[in-house]
Structures are given as structure tokens and as C-alpha cells.
Amino acid sequence: MLEGKVLRDFNDKENNLKHYEADGKTKFRAEDKRYNELKAKGYVEEGKEVETKKNK
């Protein structure tokens, strides 16, 4: 799972169109494939690996 700051406002089509704002504070977290898909489109910054309950 990756997490990083939002660079451009977007509505996440895979999460009931949840709105994410590029305000410098908002972070986005998703599975690696989904995160990298949004990173390639310029919506999120380079992500950092985060712990999940499943990983512990």
C-alpha cells in the first residue's frame, strides 16, 4: 500500500467519487497498482510504502 500527497484535485471513481483536494495536506492511500495509475496521470506525488493491518 502506498500513500502520498495529492497534487491535483480529483474525484476517485473507485471510491464512490470521493473528492480529494490538492491543498498540500490531503493524502491519498491505495494499493500499489491503483496508486501508480494515478501517479502516472499526475494526481499524486511519489508514494511511500505504508503499513497496513494485513502487513503486521
PDB file of N, CA and C in Angstrom:
ATOM      1  N   MET A   1       0.852  -1.165   0.000  1.00  0.00           N
ATOM      2  CA  MET A   1       0.000   0.000   0.000  1.00  0.00           C
ATOM      3  C   MET A   1       0.901   1.232   0.000  1.00  0.00           C
ATOM      4  N   LEU A   2       0.537   2.217  -0.827  1.00  0.00           N
ATOM      5  CA  LEU A   2       1.296   3.450  -0.939  1.00  0.00           C
ATOM      6  C   LEU A   2       0.459   4.634  -0.479  1.00  0.00           C
ATOM      7  N   GLU A   3       1.157   5.680   0.003  1.00  0.00           N
ATOM      8  CA  GLU A   3       0.480   6.902   0.443  1.00  0.00           C
ATOM      9  C   GLU A   3       1.337   8.091   0.055  1.00  0.00           C
ATOM     10  N   GLY A   4       0.674   9.163  -0.385  1.00  0.00           N
ATOM     11  CA  GLY A   4       1.378  10.396  -0.733  1.00  0.00           C
ATOM     12  C   GLY A   4       0.408  11.544  -0.875  1.00  0.00           C
ATOM     13  N   LYS A   5       0.963  12.743  -1.040  1.00  0.00           N
ATOM     14  CA  LYS A   5       0.137  13.944  -1.149  1.00  0.00           C
ATOM     15  C   LYS A   5      -0.538  14.041  -2.507  1.00  0.00           C
ATOM     16  N   VAL A   6      -1.709  14.657  -2.492  1.00  0.00           N
ATOM     17  CA  VAL A   6      -2.474  14.903  -3.705  1.00  0.00           C
ATOM     18  C   VAL A   6      -1.914  16.150  -4.388  1.00  0.00           C
ATOM     19  N   LEU A   7      -1.622  16.064  -5.687  1.00  0.00           N
ATOM     20  CA  LEU A   7      -1.061  17.184  -6.443  1.00  0.00           C
ATOM     21  C   LEU A   7      -2.114  17.939  -7.247  1.00  0.00           C
ATOM     22  N   ARG A   8      -3.175  17.235  -7.673  1.00  0.00           N
ATOM     23  CA  ARG A   8      -4.265  17.847  -8.441  1.00  0.00           C
ATOM     24  C   ARG A   8      -5.586  17.334  -7.897  1.00  0.00           C
ATOM     25  N   ASP A   9      -6.584  18.216  -7.796  1.00  0.00           N
ATOM     26  CA  ASP A   9      -7.910  17.807  -7.335  1.00  0.00           C
ATOM     27  C   ASP A   9      -8.460  16.699  -8.233  1.00  0.00           C
ATOM     28  N   PHE A  10      -9.115  15.733  -7.613  1.00  0.00           N
ATOM     29  CA  PHE A  10      -9.788  14.690  -8.393  1.00  0.00           C
ATOM     30  C   PHE A  10     -10.862  14.012  -7.559  1.00  0.00           C
ATOM     31  N   ASN A  11     -11.789  13.357  -8.240  1.00  0.00           N
ATOM     32  CA  ASN A  11     -12.811  12.529  -7.615  1.00  0.00           C
ATOM     33  C   ASN A  11     -12.452  11.081  -7.926  1.00  0.00           C
ATOM     34  N   ASP A  12     -12.299  10.287  -6.883  1.00  0.00           N
ATOM     35  CA  ASP A  12     -11.871   8.895  -7.040  1.00  0.00           C
ATOM     36  C   ASP A  12     -13.033   8.025  -7.509  1.00  0.00           C
ATOM     37  N   LYS A  13     -13.008   7.637  -8.757  1.00  0.00           N
ATOM     38  CA  LYS A  13     -14.095   6.842  -9.339  1.00  0.00           C
ATOM     39  C   LYS A  13     -14.213   5.459  -8.703  1.00  0.00           C
ATOM     40  N   GLU A  14     -13.162   4.983  -8.053  1.00  0.00           N
ATOM     41  CA  GLU A  14     -13.212   3.667  -7.424  1.00  0.00           C
ATOM     42  C   GLU A  14     -13.601   3.739  -5.947  1.00  0.00           C
ATOM     43  N   ASN A  15     -13.888   4.943  -5.446  1.00  0.00           N
ATOM     44  CA  ASN A  15     -14.285   5.112  -4.053  1.00  0.00           C
ATOM     45  C   ASN A  15     -15.497   6.041  -3.978  1.00  0.00           C
ATOM     46  N   ASN A  16     -16.552   5.692  -4.694  1.00  0.00           N
ATOM     47  CA  ASN A  16     -17.807   6.436  -4.653  1.00  0.00           C
ATOM     48  C   ASN A  16     -17.619   7.923  -4.958  1.00  0.00           C
ATOM     49  N   LEU A  17     -16.702   8.228  -5.881  1.00  0.00           N
ATOM     50  CA  LEU A  17     -16.374   9.589  -6.315  1.00  0.00           C
ATOM     51  C   LEU A  17     -15.938  10.506  -5.167  1.00  0.00           C
ATOM     52  N   LYS A  18     -15.260   9.935  -4.170  1.00  0.00           N
ATOM     53  CA  LYS A  18     -14.737  10.734  -3.061  1.00  0.00           C
ATOM     54  C   LYS A  18     -13.810  11.807  -3.615  1.00  0.00           C
ATOM     55  N   HIS A  19     -13.988  13.043  -3.140  1.00  0.00           N
ATOM     56  CA  HIS A  19     -13.214  14.186  -3.637  1.00  0.00           C
ATOM     57  C   HIS A  19     -11.917  14.352  -2.841  1.00  0.00           C
ATOM     58  N   TYR A  20     -10.826  14.511  -3.550  1.00  0.00           N
ATOM     59  CA  TYR A  20      -9.516  14.778  -2.946  1.00  0.00           C
ATOM     60  C   TYR A  20      -9.041  16.126  -3.452  1.00  0.00           C
ATOM     61  N   GLU A  21      -8.601  17.004  -2.539  1.00  0.00           N
ATOM     62  CA  GLU A  21      -8.137  18.340  -2.909  1.00  0.00           C
ATOM     63  C   GLU A  21      -6.629  18.445  -2.815  1.00  0.00           C
ATOM     64  N   ALA A  22      -6.047  19.204  -3.725  1.00  0.00           N
ATOM     65  CA  ALA A  22      -4.608  19.452  -3.731  1.00  0.00           C
ATOM     66  C   ALA A  22      -4.326  20.676  -2.863  1.00  0.00           C
ATOM     67  N   ASP A  23      -4.486  20.516  -1.555  1.00  0.00           N
ATOM     68  CA  ASP A  23      -4.308  21.651  -0.639  1.00  0.00           C
ATOM     69  C   ASP A  23      -2.990  21.584   0.132  1.00  0.00           C
ATOM     70  N   GLY A  24      -2.130  20.635  -0.205  1.00  0.00           N
ATOM     71  CA  GLY A  24      -0.857  20.494   0.475  1.00  0.00           C
ATOM     72  C   GLY A  24      -0.918  19.637   1.728  1.00  0.00           C
ATOM     73  N   LYS A  25      -2.131  19.292   2.181  1.00  0.00           N
ATOM     74  CA  LYS A  25      -2.295  18.481   3.385  1.00  0.00           C
ATOM     75  C   LYS A  25      -2.952  17.138   3.088  1.00  0.00           C
ATOM     76  N   THR A  26      -3.809  17.110   2.085  1.00  0.00           N
ATOM     77  CA  THR A  26      -4.579  15.906   1.776  1.00  0.00           C
ATOM     78  C   THR A  26      -3.674  14.803   1.245  1.00  0.00           C
ATOM     79  N   LYS A  27      -3.837  13.612   1.824  1.00  0.00           N
ATOM     80  CA  LYS A  27      -3.067  12.452   1.379  1.00  0.00           C
ATOM     81  C   LYS A  27      -4.008  11.421   0.784  1.00  0.00           C
ATOM     82  N   PHE A  28      -3.469  10.654  -0.137  1.00  0.00           N
ATOM     83  CA  PHE A  28      -4.224   9.585  -0.792  1.00  0.00           C
ATOM     84  C   PHE A  28      -3.509   8.276  -0.527  1.00  0.00           C
ATOM     85  N   ARG A  29      -4.267   7.247  -0.207  1.00  0.00           N
ATOM     86  CA  ARG A  29      -3.707   5.916   0.077  1.00  0.00           C
ATOM     87  C   ARG A  29      -4.450   4.889  -0.766  1.00  0.00           C
ATOM     88  N   ALA A  30      -3.679   3.998  -1.391  1.00  0.00           N
ATOM     89  CA  ALA A  30      -4.287   2.951  -2.218  1.00  0.00           C
ATOM     90  C   ALA A  30      -3.280   1.823  -2.435  1.00  0.00           C
ATOM     91  N   GLU A  31      -3.785   0.730  -2.966  1.00  0.00           N
ATOM     92  CA  GLU A  31      -2.915  -0.378  -3.346  1.00  0.00           C
ATOM     93  C   GLU A  31      -1.938   0.116  -4.414  1.00  0.00           C
ATOM     94  N   ASP A  32      -0.785  -0.510  -4.498  1.00  0.00           N
ATOM     95  CA  ASP A  32       0.292  -0.058  -5.376  1.00  0.00           C
ATOM     96  C   ASP A  32      -0.169   0.194  -6.817  1.00  0.00           C
ATOM     97  N   LYS A  33      -0.889  -0.740  -7.404  1.00  0.00           N
ATOM     98  CA  LYS A  33      -1.317  -0.607  -8.804  1.00  0.00           C
ATOM     99  C   LYS A  33      -2.188   0.625  -9.008  1.00  0.00           C
ATOM    100  N   ARG A  34      -3.172   0.817  -8.149  1.00  0.00           N
ATOM    101  CA  ARG A  34      -4.083   1.964  -8.249  1.00  0.00           C
ATOM    102  C   ARG A  34      -3.332   3.274  -8.010  1.00  0.00           C
ATOM    103  N   TYR A  35      -2.456   3.289  -7.004  1.00  0.00           N
ATOM    104  CA  TYR A  35      -1.704   4.494  -6.689  1.00  0.00           C
ATOM    105  C   TYR A  35      -0.818   4.889  -7.877  1.00  0.00           C
ATOM    106  N   ASN A  36      -0.120   3.917  -8.432  1.00  0.00           N
ATOM    107  CA  ASN A  36       0.775   4.210  -9.560  1.00  0.00           C
ATOM    108  C   ASN A  36       0.019   4.664 -10.798  1.00  0.00           C
ATOM    109  N   GLU A  37      -1.203   4.177 -10.976  1.00  0.00           N
ATOM    110  CA  GLU A  37      -2.051   4.623 -12.085  1.00  0.00           C
ATOM    111  C   GLU A  37      -2.344   6.121 -11.949  1.00  0.00           C
ATOM    112  N   LEU A  38      -2.686   6.566 -10.743  1.00  0.00           N
ATOM    113  CA  LEU A  38      -2.980   7.988 -10.516  1.00  0.00           C
ATOM    114  C   LEU A  38      -1.708   8.835 -10.549  1.00  0.00           C
ATOM    115  N   LYS A  39      -0.603   8.275 -10.096  1.00  0.00           N
ATOM    116  CA  LYS A  39       0.680   8.986 -10.146  1.00  0.00           C
ATOM    117  C   LYS A  39       1.075   9.251 -11.594  1.00  0.00           C
ATOM    118  N   ALA A  40       0.884   8.278 -12.463  1.00  0.00           N
ATOM    119  CA  ALA A  40       1.219   8.422 -13.880  1.00  0.00           C
ATOM    120  C   ALA A  40       0.396   9.521 -14.546  1.00  0.00           C
ATOM    121  N   LYS A  41      -0.802   9.758 -14.030  1.00  0.00           N
ATOM    122  CA  LYS A  41      -1.673  10.802 -14.574  1.00  0.00           C
ATOM    123  C   LYS A  41      -1.436  12.160 -13.912  1.00  0.00           C
ATOM    124  N   GLY A  42      -0.528  12.202 -12.916  1.00  0.00           N
ATOM    125  CA  GLY A  42      -0.164  13.467 -12.282  1.00  0.00           C
ATOM    126  C   GLY A  42      -1.039  13.903 -11.126  1.00  0.00           C
ATOM    127  N   TYR A  43      -1.838  13.002 -10.580  1.00  0.00           N
ATOM    128  CA  TYR A  43      -2.741  13.369  -9.486  1.00  0.00           C
ATOM    129  C   TYR A  43      -2.095  13.286  -8.106  1.00  0.00           C
ATOM    130  N   VAL A  44      -1.102  12.424  -7.939  1.00  0.00           N
ATOM    131  CA  VAL A  44      -0.458  12.246  -6.639  1.00  0.00           C
ATOM    132  C   VAL A  44       1.056  12.221  -6.815  1.00  0.00           C
ATOM    133  N   GLU A  45       1.758  12.547  -5.716  1.00  0.00           N
ATOM    134  CA  GLU A  45       3.219  12.547  -5.752  1.00  0.00           C
ATOM    135  C   GLU A  45       3.762  11.129  -5.610  1.00  0.00           C
ATOM    136  N   GLU A  46       5.083  11.009  -5.654  1.00  0.00           N
ATOM    137  CA  GLU A  46       5.738   9.720  -5.420  1.00  0.00           C
ATOM    138  C   GLU A  46       5.290   9.195  -4.066  1.00  0.00           C
ATOM    139  N   GLY A  47       4.779   7.991  -4.023  1.00  0.00           N
ATOM    140  CA  GLY A  47       4.227   7.442  -2.790  1.00  0.00           C
ATOM    141  C   GLY A  47       5.257   6.738  -1.925  1.00  0.00           C
ATOM    142  N   LYS A  48       4.944   6.639  -0.650  1.00  0.00           N
ATOM    143  CA  LYS A  48       5.776   5.910   0.296  1.00  0.00           C
ATOM    144  C   LYS A  48       4.999   4.695   0.771  1.00  0.00           C
ATOM    145  N   GLU A  49       5.704   3.607   0.957  1.00  0.00           N
ATOM    146  CA  GLU A  49       5.088   2.370   1.451  1.00  0.00           C
ATOM    147  C   GLU A  49       4.581   2.608   2.875  1.00  0.00           C
ATOM    148  N   VAL A  50       3.354   2.193   3.156  1.00  0.00           N
ATOM    149  CA  VAL A  50       2.784   2.330   4.496  1.00  0.00           C
ATOM    150  C   VAL A  50       2.340   0.970   5.009  1.00  0.00           C
ATOM    151  N   GLU A  51       2.371   0.834   6.314  1.00  0.00           N
ATOM    152  CA  GLU A  51       1.938  -0.402   6.970  1.00  0.00           C
ATOM    153  C   GLU A  51       0.419  -0.517   6.923  1.00  0.00           C
ATOM    154  N   THR A  52      -0.054  -1.711   6.721  1.00  0.00           N
ATOM    155  CA  THR A  52      -1.479  -1.982   6.806  1.00  0.00           C
ATOM    156  C   THR A  52      -1.673  -3.063   7.871  1.00  0.00           C
ATOM    157  N   LYS A  53      -2.864  -3.198   8.343  1.00  0.00           N
ATOM    158  CA  LYS A  53      -3.143  -4.227   9.354  1.00  0.00           C
ATOM    159  C   LYS A  53      -2.792  -5.605   8.812  1.00  0.00           C
ATOM    160  N   LYS A  54      -2.993  -5.784   7.500  1.00  0.00           N
ATOM    161  CA  LYS A  54      -2.714  -7.066   6.862  1.00  0.00           C
ATOM    162  C   LYS A  54      -1.208  -7.359   6.860  1.00  0.00           C
ATOM    163  N   ASN A  55      -0.367  -6.310   6.788  1.00  0.00           N
ATOM    164  CA  ASN A  55       1.089  -6.478   6.759  1.00  0.00           C
ATOM    165  C   ASN A  55       1.689  -6.757   8.123  1.00  0.00           C
ATOM    166  N   LYS A  56       0.998  -6.404   9.182  1.00  0.00           N
ATOM    167  CA  LYS A  56       1.558  -6.530  10.530  1.00  0.00           C
ATOM    168  C   LYS A  56       1.543  -7.947  11.039  1.00  0.00           C
TER     169      LYS A  56
END
